[in-house]
Amino acid sequence: MAGIGNAWSDEILHRAKLTPFVAANKVDTIQVGALYQAVQEVLAEVREALANVPLERIKATKKSLFSVHDRAGQVCPVCGATVAEVSYVDRSMQYCPSCQTGGKKLSDRRMDRLLK
C-alpha cells in the first residue's frame, strides 16, 4: 500500500498473518478483513507510542515497536520462529515463515543467484 512504508507494511502483514507475496487478486474476504484490522491496529499503536516522544528518541522508540521489520535472524515474538528476509535491489522485507507462510521460507533471488 502506498504511503504505509516498508517497515509498517512488514508489521501489518505479520499482524494479519499474510505472506508478503500474496497477489491482491488472490486475497479472500477473511484475509481482507484481517489486513484491514491489522492496518488499523498497527497504525493506532504506532501513533499512540510516538505521540509524546521527544524528537531525538523517535527512531529508537520506533525500532522497539517492530516484531519482524529489521529483525532478520532474530526470534519472532509471536511464535518463536526465526524471522527471515527477502532482499531486492534497494530494499528488503522481513517476515516470519511460521506466522505468515506456513513455515515456508521465501526465495531470496539475490542470494539464489550467488549460490548457483
PDB file of N, CA and C in Angstrom:
ATOM      1  N   MET A   1       0.834  -1.189   0.000  1.00  0.00           N
ATOM      2  CA  MET A   1       0.000   0.000   0.000  1.00  0.00           C
ATOM      3  C   MET A   1       0.872   1.243   0.000  1.00  0.00           C
ATOM      4  N   ALA A   2       0.565   2.144  -0.848  1.00  0.00           N
ATOM      5  CA  ALA A   2       1.335   3.375  -0.934  1.00  0.00           C
ATOM      6  C   ALA A   2       1.150   4.195   0.335  1.00  0.00           C
ATOM      7  N   GLY A   3       2.244   4.759   0.810  1.00  0.00           N
ATOM      8  CA  GLY A   3       2.187   5.654   1.959  1.00  0.00           C
ATOM      9  C   GLY A   3       2.404   4.984   3.302  1.00  0.00           C
ATOM     10  N   ILE A   4       2.296   3.681   3.378  1.00  0.00           N
ATOM     11  CA  ILE A   4       2.482   2.967   4.652  1.00  0.00           C
ATOM     12  C   ILE A   4       3.965   2.870   4.990  1.00  0.00           C
ATOM     13  N   GLY A   5       4.779   2.585   3.999  1.00  0.00           N
ATOM     14  CA  GLY A   5       6.215   2.443   4.223  1.00  0.00           C
ATOM     15  C   GLY A   5       6.603   0.992   4.424  1.00  0.00           C
ATOM     16  N   ASN A   6       7.859   0.699   4.164  1.00  0.00           N
ATOM     17  CA  ASN A   6       8.376  -0.653   4.224  1.00  0.00           C
ATOM     18  C   ASN A   6       8.290  -1.253   5.625  1.00  0.00           C
ATOM     19  N   ALA A   7       8.676  -0.496   6.627  1.00  0.00           N
ATOM     20  CA  ALA A   7       8.684  -1.014   7.997  1.00  0.00           C
ATOM     21  C   ALA A   7       7.281  -1.395   8.450  1.00  0.00           C
ATOM     22  N   TRP A   8       6.349  -0.472   8.283  1.00  0.00           N
ATOM     23  CA  TRP A   8       4.999  -0.737   8.788  1.00  0.00           C
ATOM     24  C   TRP A   8       4.271  -1.747   7.919  1.00  0.00           C
ATOM     25  N   SER A   9       4.594  -1.826   6.630  1.00  0.00           N
ATOM     26  CA  SER A   9       3.960  -2.866   5.811  1.00  0.00           C
ATOM     27  C   SER A   9       4.416  -4.252   6.264  1.00  0.00           C
ATOM     28  N   ASP A  10       5.693  -4.402   6.639  1.00  0.00           N
ATOM     29  CA  ASP A  10       6.170  -5.675   7.204  1.00  0.00           C
ATOM     30  C   ASP A  10       5.373  -6.023   8.454  1.00  0.00           C
ATOM     31  N   GLU A  11       5.197  -5.037   9.316  1.00  0.00           N
ATOM     32  CA  GLU A  11       4.492  -5.261  10.588  1.00  0.00           C
ATOM     33  C   GLU A  11       3.011  -5.569  10.375  1.00  0.00           C
ATOM     34  N   ILE A  12       2.389  -4.866   9.443  1.00  0.00           N
ATOM     35  CA  ILE A  12       0.962  -5.076   9.157  1.00  0.00           C
ATOM     36  C   ILE A  12       0.735  -6.468   8.573  1.00  0.00           C
ATOM     37  N   LEU A  13       1.560  -6.874   7.624  1.00  0.00           N
ATOM     38  CA  LEU A  13       1.411  -8.204   7.041  1.00  0.00           C
ATOM     39  C   LEU A  13       1.649  -9.286   8.081  1.00  0.00           C
ATOM     40  N   HIS A  14       2.591  -9.069   8.980  1.00  0.00           N
ATOM     41  CA  HIS A  14       2.845 -10.028  10.052  1.00  0.00           C
ATOM     42  C   HIS A  14       1.628 -10.129  10.962  1.00  0.00           C
ATOM     43  N   ARG A  15       1.084  -8.999  11.361  1.00  0.00           N
ATOM     44  CA  ARG A  15      -0.092  -8.992  12.235  1.00  0.00           C
ATOM     45  C   ARG A  15      -1.277  -9.693  11.563  1.00  0.00           C
ATOM     46  N   ALA A  16      -1.438  -9.476  10.248  1.00  0.00           N
ATOM     47  CA  ALA A  16      -2.547 -10.071   9.501  1.00  0.00           C
ATOM     48  C   ALA A  16      -2.277 -11.533   9.123  1.00  0.00           C
ATOM     49  N   LYS A  17      -1.056 -12.005   9.389  1.00  0.00           N
ATOM     50  CA  LYS A  17      -0.633 -13.357   9.047  1.00  0.00           C
ATOM     51  C   LYS A  17      -0.733 -13.631   7.538  1.00  0.00           C
ATOM     52  N   LEU A  18      -0.318 -12.631   6.753  1.00  0.00           N
ATOM     53  CA  LEU A  18      -0.326 -12.741   5.297  1.00  0.00           C
ATOM     54  C   LEU A  18       1.092 -12.799   4.755  1.00  0.00           C
ATOM     55  N   THR A  19       1.302 -13.636   3.766  1.00  0.00           N
ATOM     56  CA  THR A  19       2.591 -13.680   3.102  1.00  0.00           C
ATOM     57  C   THR A  19       2.847 -12.362   2.370  1.00  0.00           C
ATOM     58  N   PRO A  20       4.065 -11.883   2.362  1.00  0.00           N
ATOM     59  CA  PRO A  20       4.374 -10.644   1.640  1.00  0.00           C
ATOM     60  C   PRO A  20       4.163 -10.751   0.134  1.00  0.00           C
ATOM     61  N   PHE A  21       4.093 -11.961  -0.399  1.00  0.00           N
ATOM     62  CA  PHE A  21       3.950 -12.141  -1.840  1.00  0.00           C
ATOM     63  C   PHE A  21       2.533 -12.492  -2.281  1.00  0.00           C
ATOM     64  N   VAL A  22       1.570 -12.366  -1.412  1.00  0.00           N
ATOM     65  CA  VAL A  22       0.194 -12.671  -1.813  1.00  0.00           C
ATOM     66  C   VAL A  22      -0.262 -11.651  -2.867  1.00  0.00           C
ATOM     67  N   ALA A  23      -0.825 -12.151  -3.956  1.00  0.00           N
ATOM     68  CA  ALA A  23      -1.334 -11.269  -5.014  1.00  0.00           C
ATOM     69  C   ALA A  23      -2.668 -10.675  -4.572  1.00  0.00           C
ATOM     70  N   ALA A  24      -2.871  -9.406  -4.862  1.00  0.00           N
ATOM     71  CA  ALA A  24      -4.089  -8.717  -4.437  1.00  0.00           C
ATOM     72  C   ALA A  24      -5.345  -9.424  -4.929  1.00  0.00           C
ATOM     73  N   ASN A  25      -5.305 -10.007  -6.111  1.00  0.00           N
ATOM     74  CA  ASN A  25      -6.488 -10.681  -6.639  1.00  0.00           C
ATOM     75  C   ASN A  25      -6.681 -12.088  -6.076  1.00  0.00           C
ATOM     76  N   LYS A  26      -5.788 -12.517  -5.199  1.00  0.00           N
ATOM     77  CA  LYS A  26      -5.891 -13.835  -4.567  1.00  0.00           C
ATOM     78  C   LYS A  26      -6.269 -13.750  -3.086  1.00  0.00           C
ATOM     79  N   VAL A  27      -6.453 -12.549  -2.577  1.00  0.00           N
ATOM     80  CA  VAL A  27      -6.785 -12.357  -1.163  1.00  0.00           C
ATOM     81  C   VAL A  27      -8.282 -12.579  -0.984  1.00  0.00           C
ATOM     82  N   ASP A  28      -8.658 -13.485  -0.067  1.00  0.00           N
ATOM     83  CA  ASP A  28     -10.074 -13.746   0.153  1.00  0.00           C
ATOM     84  C   ASP A  28     -10.666 -12.757   1.165  1.00  0.00           C
ATOM     85  N   THR A  29     -11.954 -12.840   1.380  1.00  0.00           N
ATOM     86  CA  THR A  29     -12.667 -11.907   2.246  1.00  0.00           C
ATOM     87  C   THR A  29     -12.128 -11.919   3.676  1.00  0.00           C
ATOM     88  N   ILE A  30     -11.816 -13.075   4.182  1.00  0.00           N
ATOM     89  CA  ILE A  30     -11.286 -13.177   5.547  1.00  0.00           C
ATOM     90  C   ILE A  30      -9.919 -12.492   5.632  1.00  0.00           C
ATOM     91  N   GLN A  31      -9.075 -12.703   4.641  1.00  0.00           N
ATOM     92  CA  GLN A  31      -7.754 -12.072   4.623  1.00  0.00           C
ATOM     93  C   GLN A  31      -7.864 -10.557   4.490  1.00  0.00           C
ATOM     94  N   VAL A  32      -8.813 -10.085   3.691  1.00  0.00           N
ATOM     95  CA  VAL A  32      -9.031  -8.641   3.557  1.00  0.00           C
ATOM     96  C   VAL A  32      -9.427  -8.062   4.916  1.00  0.00           C
ATOM     97  N   GLY A  33     -10.297  -8.745   5.624  1.00  0.00           N
ATOM     98  CA  GLY A  33     -10.698  -8.297   6.958  1.00  0.00           C
ATOM     99  C   GLY A  33      -9.522  -8.266   7.922  1.00  0.00           C
ATOM    100  N   ALA A  34      -8.692  -9.307   7.870  1.00  0.00           N
ATOM    101  CA  ALA A  34      -7.509  -9.359   8.738  1.00  0.00           C
ATOM    102  C   ALA A  34      -6.540  -8.242   8.396  1.00  0.00           C
ATOM    103  N   LEU A  35      -6.374  -7.975   7.108  1.00  0.00           N
ATOM    104  CA  LEU A  35      -5.481  -6.901   6.665  1.00  0.00           C
ATOM    105  C   LEU A  35      -6.003  -5.541   7.128  1.00  0.00           C
ATOM    106  N   TYR A  36      -7.273  -5.306   6.944  1.00  0.00           N
ATOM    107  CA  TYR A  36      -7.883  -4.044   7.372  1.00  0.00           C
ATOM    108  C   TYR A  36      -7.707  -3.845   8.876  1.00  0.00           C
ATOM    109  N   GLN A  37      -7.989  -4.880   9.643  1.00  0.00           N
ATOM    110  CA  GLN A  37      -7.851  -4.791  11.100  1.00  0.00           C
ATOM    111  C   GLN A  37      -6.396  -4.551  11.499  1.00  0.00           C
ATOM    112  N   ALA A  38      -5.467  -5.223  10.827  1.00  0.00           N
ATOM    113  CA  ALA A  38      -4.045  -5.059  11.134  1.00  0.00           C
ATOM    114  C   ALA A  38      -3.569  -3.642  10.829  1.00  0.00           C
ATOM    115  N   VAL A  39      -4.026  -3.071   9.711  1.00  0.00           N
ATOM    116  CA  VAL A  39      -3.660  -1.685   9.370  1.00  0.00           C
ATOM    117  C   VAL A  39      -4.137  -0.759  10.483  1.00  0.00           C
ATOM    118  N   GLN A  40      -5.375  -0.914  10.885  1.00  0.00           N
ATOM    119  CA  GLN A  40      -5.949  -0.057  11.926  1.00  0.00           C
ATOM    120  C   GLN A  40      -5.185  -0.203  13.246  1.00  0.00           C
ATOM    121  N   GLU A  41      -4.941  -1.438  13.666  1.00  0.00           N
ATOM    122  CA  GLU A  41      -4.272  -1.692  14.940  1.00  0.00           C
ATOM    123  C   GLU A  41      -2.834  -1.193  14.958  1.00  0.00           C
ATOM    124  N   VAL A  42      -2.067  -1.578  13.939  1.00  0.00           N
ATOM    125  CA  VAL A  42      -0.643  -1.221  13.919  1.00  0.00           C
ATOM    126  C   VAL A  42      -0.470   0.296  13.873  1.00  0.00           C
ATOM    127  N   LEU A  43      -1.187   0.963  12.978  1.00  0.00           N
ATOM    128  CA  LEU A  43      -1.019   2.414  12.880  1.00  0.00           C
ATOM    129  C   LEU A  43      -1.516   3.137  14.127  1.00  0.00           C
ATOM    130  N   ALA A  44      -2.562   2.638  14.760  1.00  0.00           N
ATOM    131  CA  ALA A  44      -3.028   3.240  16.018  1.00  0.00           C
ATOM    132  C   ALA A  44      -1.987   3.051  17.123  1.00  0.00           C
ATOM    133  N   GLU A  45      -1.394   1.872  17.197  1.00  0.00           N
ATOM    134  CA  GLU A  45      -0.359   1.607  18.208  1.00  0.00           C
ATOM    135  C   GLU A  45       0.869   2.489  17.975  1.00  0.00           C
ATOM    136  N   VAL A  46       1.250   2.653  16.731  1.00  0.00           N
ATOM    137  CA  VAL A  46       2.401   3.500  16.399  1.00  0.00           C
ATOM    138  C   VAL A  46       2.103   4.952  16.782  1.00  0.00           C
ATOM    139  N   ARG A  47       0.939   5.418  16.396  1.00  0.00           N
ATOM    140  CA  ARG A  47       0.557   6.806  16.706  1.00  0.00           C
ATOM    141  C   ARG A  47       0.580   7.037  18.218  1.00  0.00           C
ATOM    142  N   GLU A  48       0.027   6.101  18.962  1.00  0.00           N
ATOM    143  CA  GLU A  48      -0.011   6.234  20.421  1.00  0.00           C
ATOM    144  C   GLU A  48       1.391   6.169  21.031  1.00  0.00           C
ATOM    145  N   ALA A  49       2.203   5.240  20.548  1.00  0.00           N
ATOM    146  CA  ALA A  49       3.549   5.062  21.100  1.00  0.00           C
ATOM    147  C   ALA A  49       4.466   6.250  20.819  1.00  0.00           C
ATOM    148  N   LEU A  50       4.261   6.923  19.687  1.00  0.00           N
ATOM    149  CA  LEU A  50       5.146   8.026  19.299  1.00  0.00           C
ATOM    150  C   LEU A  50       4.591   9.408  19.646  1.00  0.00           C
ATOM    151  N   ALA A  51       3.393   9.461  20.183  1.00  0.00           N
ATOM    152  CA  ALA A  51       2.702  10.742  20.405  1.00  0.00           C
ATOM    153  C   ALA A  51       3.511  11.759  21.196  1.00  0.00           C
ATOM    154  N   ASN A  52       4.105  11.385  22.285  1.00  0.00           N
ATOM    155  CA  ASN A  52       4.808  12.345  23.139  1.00  0.00           C
ATOM    156  C   ASN A  52       6.297  12.060  23.261  1.00  0.00           C
ATOM    157  N   VAL A  53       6.836  11.373  22.277  1.00  0.00           N
ATOM    158  CA  VAL A  53       8.250  11.017  22.307  1.00  0.00           C
ATOM    159  C   VAL A  53       9.069  12.192  21.787  1.00  0.00           C
ATOM    160  N   PRO A  54      10.116  12.579  22.513  1.00  0.00           N
ATOM    161  CA  PRO A  54      10.983  13.656  22.028  1.00  0.00           C
ATOM    162  C   PRO A  54      11.626  13.266  20.694  1.00  0.00           C
ATOM    163  N   LEU A  55      11.858  14.237  19.862  1.00  0.00           N
ATOM    164  CA  LEU A  55      12.385  14.017  18.515  1.00  0.00           C
ATOM    165  C   LEU A  55      13.625  13.125  18.514  1.00  0.00           C
ATOM    166  N   GLU A  56      14.527  13.320  19.448  1.00  0.00           N
ATOM    167  CA  GLU A  56      15.774  12.540  19.462  1.00  0.00           C
ATOM    168  C   GLU A  56      15.552  11.078  19.864  1.00  0.00           C
ATOM    169  N   ARG A  57      14.372  10.719  20.351  1.00  0.00           N
ATOM    170  CA  ARG A  57      14.074   9.350  20.769  1.00  0.00           C
ATOM    171  C   ARG A  57      13.129   8.622  19.805  1.00  0.00           C
ATOM    172  N   ILE A  58      12.670   9.290  18.767  1.00  0.00           N
ATOM    173  CA  ILE A  58      11.679   8.680  17.875  1.00  0.00           C
ATOM    174  C   ILE A  58      12.223   7.432  17.182  1.00  0.00           C
ATOM    175  N   LYS A  59      13.422   7.496  16.643  1.00  0.00           N
ATOM    176  CA  LYS A  59      13.974   6.354  15.915  1.00  0.00           C
ATOM    177  C   LYS A  59      14.098   5.131  16.825  1.00  0.00           C
ATOM    178  N   ALA A  60      14.632   5.309  18.015  1.00  0.00           N
ATOM    179  CA  ALA A  60      14.780   4.185  18.944  1.00  0.00           C
ATOM    180  C   ALA A  60      13.421   3.643  19.380  1.00  0.00           C
ATOM    181  N   THR A  61      12.484   4.532  19.612  1.00  0.00           N
ATOM    182  CA  THR A  61      11.147   4.096  20.018  1.00  0.00           C
ATOM    183  C   THR A  61      10.476   3.333  18.883  1.00  0.00           C
ATOM    184  N   LYS A  62      10.606   3.841  17.674  1.00  0.00           N
ATOM    185  CA  LYS A  62      10.031   3.171  16.506  1.00  0.00           C
ATOM    186  C   LYS A  62      10.597   1.761  16.376  1.00  0.00           C
ATOM    187  N   LYS A  63      11.913   1.616  16.495  1.00  0.00           N
ATOM    188  CA  LYS A  63      12.541   0.293  16.382  1.00  0.00           C
ATOM    189  C   LYS A  63      12.044  -0.665  17.457  1.00  0.00           C
ATOM    190  N   SER A  64      11.736  -0.149  18.625  1.00  0.00           N
ATOM    191  CA  SER A  64      11.257  -1.009  19.708  1.00  0.00           C
ATOM    192  C   SER A  64       9.865  -1.568  19.431  1.00  0.00           C
ATOM    193  N   LEU A  65       9.162  -0.984  18.480  1.00  0.00           N
ATOM    194  CA  LEU A  65       7.811  -1.437  18.140  1.00  0.00           C
ATOM    195  C   LEU A  65       7.802  -2.567  17.107  1.00  0.00           C
ATOM    196  N   PHE A  66       8.940  -2.836  16.475  1.00  0.00           N
ATOM    197  CA  PHE A  66       8.998  -3.835  15.414  1.00  0.00           C
ATOM    198  C   PHE A  66       8.950  -5.259  15.959  1.00  0.00           C
ATOM    199  N   SER A  67       8.120  -6.078  15.322  1.00  0.00           N
ATOM    200  CA  SER A  67       8.091  -7.514  15.604  1.00  0.00           C
ATOM    201  C   SER A  67       8.939  -8.274  14.593  1.00  0.00           C
ATOM    202  N   VAL A  68       8.883  -7.844  13.316  1.00  0.00           N
ATOM    203  CA  VAL A  68       9.652  -8.533  12.276  1.00  0.00           C
ATOM    204  C   VAL A  68      10.568  -7.602  11.491  1.00  0.00           C
ATOM    205  N   HIS A  69      10.155  -6.377  11.258  1.00  0.00           N
ATOM    206  CA  HIS A  69      10.963  -5.483  10.430  1.00  0.00           C
ATOM    207  C   HIS A  69      12.324  -5.239  11.081  1.00  0.00           C
ATOM    208  N   ASP A  70      13.367  -5.373  10.273  1.00  0.00           N
ATOM    209  CA  ASP A  70      14.746  -5.150  10.720  1.00  0.00           C
ATOM    210  C   ASP A  70      15.163  -6.139  11.815  1.00  0.00           C
ATOM    211  N   ARG A  71      14.531  -7.315  11.837  1.00  0.00           N
ATOM    212  CA  ARG A  71      14.829  -8.320  12.867  1.00  0.00           C
ATOM    213  C   ARG A  71      15.187  -9.676  12.271  1.00  0.00           C
ATOM    214  N   ALA A  72      15.661  -9.699  11.029  1.00  0.00           N
ATOM    215  CA  ALA A  72      16.037 -10.963  10.384  1.00  0.00           C
ATOM    216  C   ALA A  72      17.052 -11.704  11.246  1.00  0.00           C
ATOM    217  N   GLY A  73      16.817 -13.000  11.419  1.00  0.00           N
ATOM    218  CA  GLY A  73      17.698 -13.838  12.228  1.00  0.00           C
ATOM    219  C   GLY A  73      17.347 -13.849  13.702  1.00  0.00           C
ATOM    220  N   GLN A  74      16.445 -12.974  14.102  1.00  0.00           N
ATOM    221  CA  GLN A  74      16.020 -12.931  15.495  1.00  0.00           C
ATOM    222  C   GLN A  74      14.735 -13.739  15.673  1.00  0.00           C
ATOM    223  N   VAL A  75      14.315 -13.894  16.903  1.00  0.00           N
ATOM    224  CA  VAL A  75      13.139 -14.697  17.233  1.00  0.00           C
ATOM    225  C   VAL A  75      11.861 -13.887  17.051  1.00  0.00           C
ATOM    226  N   CYS A  76      10.876 -14.496  16.402  1.00  0.00           N
ATOM    227  CA  CYS A  76       9.556 -13.873  16.274  1.00  0.00           C
ATOM    228  C   CYS A  76       8.926 -13.826  17.660  1.00  0.00           C
ATOM    229  N   PRO A  77       8.462 -12.662  18.104  1.00  0.00           N
ATOM    230  CA  PRO A  77       7.878 -12.563  19.440  1.00  0.00           C
ATOM    231  C   PRO A  77       6.514 -13.248  19.553  1.00  0.00           C
ATOM    232  N   VAL A  78       5.921 -13.618  18.444  1.00  0.00           N
ATOM    233  CA  VAL A  78       4.612 -14.276  18.462  1.00  0.00           C
ATOM    234  C   VAL A  78       4.749 -15.785  18.587  1.00  0.00           C
ATOM    235  N   CYS A  79       5.630 -16.390  17.753  1.00  0.00           N
ATOM    236  CA  CYS A  79       5.688 -17.852  17.699  1.00  0.00           C
ATOM    237  C   CYS A  79       7.048 -18.458  18.046  1.00  0.00           C
ATOM    238  N   GLY A  80       8.089 -17.646  18.093  1.00  0.00           N
ATOM    239  CA  GLY A  80       9.412 -18.151  18.428  1.00  0.00           C
ATOM    240  C   GLY A  80      10.242 -18.624  17.247  1.00  0.00           C
ATOM    241  N   ALA A  81       9.686 -18.588  16.030  1.00  0.00           N
ATOM    242  CA  ALA A  81      10.455 -18.969  14.841  1.00  0.00           C
ATOM    243  C   ALA A  81      11.469 -17.874  14.520  1.00  0.00           C
ATOM    244  N   THR A  82      12.381 -18.159  13.620  1.00  0.00           N
ATOM    245  CA  THR A  82      13.385 -17.187  13.216  1.00  0.00           C
ATOM    246  C   THR A  82      12.834 -16.299  12.110  1.00  0.00           C
ATOM    247  N   VAL A  83      12.917 -14.996  12.293  1.00  0.00           N
ATOM    248  CA  VAL A  83      12.468 -14.032  11.301  1.00  0.00           C
ATOM    249  C   VAL A  83      13.388 -14.118  10.085  1.00  0.00           C
ATOM    250  N   ALA A  84      12.799 -14.145   8.897  1.00  0.00           N
ATOM    251  CA  ALA A  84      13.548 -14.270   7.648  1.00  0.00           C
ATOM    252  C   ALA A  84      13.468 -12.966   6.858  1.00  0.00           C
ATOM    253  N   GLU A  85      14.256 -12.913   5.789  1.00  0.00           N
ATOM    254  CA  GLU A  85      14.335 -11.695   4.979  1.00  0.00           C
ATOM    255  C   GLU A  85      14.404 -12.048   3.501  1.00  0.00           C
ATOM    256  N   VAL A  86      13.774 -11.228   2.686  1.00  0.00           N
ATOM    257  CA  VAL A  86      13.909 -11.294   1.236  1.00  0.00           C
ATOM    258  C   VAL A  86      14.456  -9.945   0.810  1.00  0.00           C
ATOM    259  N   SER A  87      15.554  -9.957   0.061  1.00  0.00           N
ATOM    260  CA  SER A  87      16.195  -8.723  -0.364  1.00  0.00           C
ATOM    261  C   SER A  87      15.944  -8.456  -1.838  1.00  0.00           C
ATOM    262  N   TYR A  88      15.809  -7.183  -2.154  1.00  0.00           N
ATOM    263  CA  TYR A  88      15.679  -6.712  -3.518  1.00  0.00           C
ATOM    264  C   TYR A  88      16.883  -5.831  -3.802  1.00  0.00           C
ATOM    265  N   VAL A  89      16.878  -5.169  -4.926  1.00  0.00           N
ATOM    266  CA  VAL A  89      17.996  -4.325  -5.314  1.00  0.00           C
ATOM    267  C   VAL A  89      18.277  -3.266  -4.256  1.00  0.00           C
ATOM    268  N   ASP A  90      17.255  -2.530  -3.862  1.00  0.00           N
ATOM    269  CA  ASP A  90      17.485  -1.410  -2.943  1.00  0.00           C
ATOM    270  C   ASP A  90      16.671  -1.472  -1.665  1.00  0.00           C
ATOM    271  N   ARG A  91      16.025  -2.582  -1.398  1.00  0.00           N
ATOM    272  CA  ARG A  91      15.261  -2.712  -0.155  1.00  0.00           C
ATOM    273  C   ARG A  91      15.126  -4.170   0.229  1.00  0.00           C
ATOM    274  N   SER A  92      14.615  -4.387   1.403  1.00  0.00           N
ATOM    275  CA  SER A  92      14.375  -5.749   1.863  1.00  0.00           C
ATOM    276  C   SER A  92      13.083  -5.771   2.671  1.00  0.00           C
ATOM    277  N   MET A  93      12.569  -6.964   2.862  1.00  0.00           N
ATOM    278  CA  MET A  93      11.398  -7.108   3.716  1.00  0.00           C
ATOM    279  C   MET A  93      11.643  -8.285   4.641  1.00  0.00           C
ATOM    280  N   GLN A  94      11.114  -8.180   5.815  1.00  0.00           N
ATOM    281  CA  GLN A  94      11.270  -9.226   6.800  1.00  0.00           C
ATOM    282  C   GLN A  94       9.889  -9.799   7.112  1.00  0.00           C
ATOM    283  N   TYR A  95       9.874 -11.088   7.432  1.00  0.00           N
ATOM    284  CA  TYR A  95       8.625 -11.790   7.711  1.00  0.00           C
ATOM    285  C   TYR A  95       8.918 -12.996   8.578  1.00  0.00           C
ATOM    286  N   CYS A  96       7.884 -13.560   9.166  1.00  0.00           N
ATOM    287  CA  CYS A  96       8.027 -14.781   9.953  1.00  0.00           C
ATOM    288  C   CYS A  96       7.496 -15.947   9.133  1.00  0.00           C
ATOM    289  N   PRO A  97       8.349 -16.893   8.753  1.00  0.00           N
ATOM    290  CA  PRO A  97       7.875 -18.032   7.975  1.00  0.00           C
ATOM    291  C   PRO A  97       6.762 -18.817   8.682  1.00  0.00           C
ATOM    292  N   SER A  98       6.851 -18.945   9.981  1.00  0.00           N
ATOM    293  CA  SER A  98       5.842 -19.706  10.718  1.00  0.00           C
ATOM    294  C   SER A  98       4.494 -18.987  10.747  1.00  0.00           C
ATOM    295  N   CYS A  99       4.491 -17.708  11.052  1.00  0.00           N
ATOM    296  CA  CYS A  99       3.250 -16.937  11.155  1.00  0.00           C
ATOM    297  C   CYS A  99       2.640 -16.608   9.799  1.00  0.00           C
ATOM    298  N   GLN A 100       3.471 -16.416   8.782  1.00  0.00           N
ATOM    299  CA  GLN A 100       2.985 -15.835   7.535  1.00  0.00           C
ATOM    300  C   GLN A 100       2.996 -16.746   6.316  1.00  0.00           C
ATOM    301  N   THR A 101       3.831 -17.761   6.278  1.00  0.00           N
ATOM    302  CA  THR A 101       3.933 -18.559   5.050  1.00  0.00           C
ATOM    303  C   THR A 101       3.827 -20.057   5.321  1.00  0.00           C
ATOM    304  N   GLY A 102       3.197 -20.425   6.418  1.00  0.00           N
ATOM    305  CA  GLY A 102       3.021 -21.843   6.718  1.00  0.00           C
ATOM    306  C   GLY A 102       4.324 -22.588   6.907  1.00  0.00           C
ATOM    307  N   GLY A 103       5.358 -21.893   7.378  1.00  0.00           N
ATOM    308  CA  GLY A 103       6.662 -22.499   7.618  1.00  0.00           C
ATOM    309  C   GLY A 103       7.596 -22.477   6.423  1.00  0.00           C
ATOM    310  N   LYS A 104       7.105 -22.020   5.280  1.00  0.00           N
ATOM    311  CA  LYS A 104       7.925 -21.988   4.062  1.00  0.00           C
ATOM    312  C   LYS A 104       8.774 -20.723   4.031  1.00  0.00           C
ATOM    313  N   LYS A 105      10.071 -20.906   3.795  1.00  0.00           N
ATOM    314  CA  LYS A 105      10.963 -19.767   3.646  1.00  0.00           C
ATOM    315  C   LYS A 105      10.903 -19.297   2.198  1.00  0.00           C
ATOM    316  N   LEU A 106      10.662 -18.009   2.004  1.00  0.00           N
ATOM    317  CA  LEU A 106      10.528 -17.448   0.670  1.00  0.00           C
ATOM    318  C   LEU A 106      11.882 -17.314  -0.005  1.00  0.00           C
ATOM    319  N   SER A 107      11.891 -17.427  -1.313  1.00  0.00           N
ATOM    320  CA  SER A 107      13.116 -17.347  -2.093  1.00  0.00           C
ATOM    321  C   SER A 107      13.647 -15.917  -2.104  1.00  0.00           C
ATOM    322  N   ASP A 108      14.930 -15.796  -1.867  1.00  0.00           N
ATOM    323  CA  ASP A 108      15.614 -14.513  -1.951  1.00  0.00           C
ATOM    324  C   ASP A 108      16.440 -14.550  -3.231  1.00  0.00           C
ATOM    325  N   ARG A 109      15.928 -13.944  -4.278  1.00  0.00           N
ATOM    326  CA  ARG A 109      16.571 -14.060  -5.593  1.00  0.00           C
ATOM    327  C   ARG A 109      18.007 -13.575  -5.606  1.00  0.00           C
ATOM    328  N   ARG A 110      18.314 -12.558  -4.790  1.00  0.00           N
ATOM    329  CA  ARG A 110      19.682 -12.044  -4.760  1.00  0.00           C
ATOM    330  C   ARG A 110      20.620 -13.126  -4.240  1.00  0.00           C
ATOM    331  N   MET A 111      20.236 -13.814  -3.169  1.00  0.00           N
ATOM    332  CA  MET A 111      21.080 -14.877  -2.619  1.00  0.00           C
ATOM    333  C   MET A 111      21.058 -16.101  -3.515  1.00  0.00           C
ATOM    334  N   ASP A 112      19.916 -16.413  -4.120  1.00  0.00           N
ATOM    335  CA  ASP A 112      19.824 -17.566  -5.012  1.00  0.00           C
ATOM    336  C   ASP A 112      20.828 -17.479  -6.152  1.00  0.00           C
ATOM    337  N   ARG A 113      21.000 -16.276  -6.715  1.00  0.00           N
ATOM    338  CA  ARG A 113      21.960 -16.088  -7.809  1.00  0.00           C
ATOM    339  C   ARG A 113      23.396 -16.340  -7.331  1.00  0.00           C
ATOM    340  N   LEU A 114      23.698 -15.928  -6.107  1.00  0.00           N
ATOM    341  CA  LEU A 114      25.048 -16.110  -5.578  1.00  0.00           C
ATOM    342  C   LEU A 114      25.353 -17.581  -5.305  1.00  0.00           C
ATOM    343  N   LEU A 115      24.329 -18.355  -4.965  1.00  0.00           N
ATOM    344  CA  LEU A 115      24.525 -19.750  -4.603  1.00  0.00           C
ATOM    345  C   LEU A 115      24.599 -20.690  -5.806  1.00  0.00           C
ATOM    346  N   LYS A 116      24.251 -20.194  -6.981  1.00  0.00           N
ATOM    347  CA  LYS A 116      24.281 -21.045  -8.183  1.00  0.00           C
ATOM    348  C   LYS A 116      25.684 -21.268  -8.678  1.00  0.00           C
TER     349      LYS A 116
END
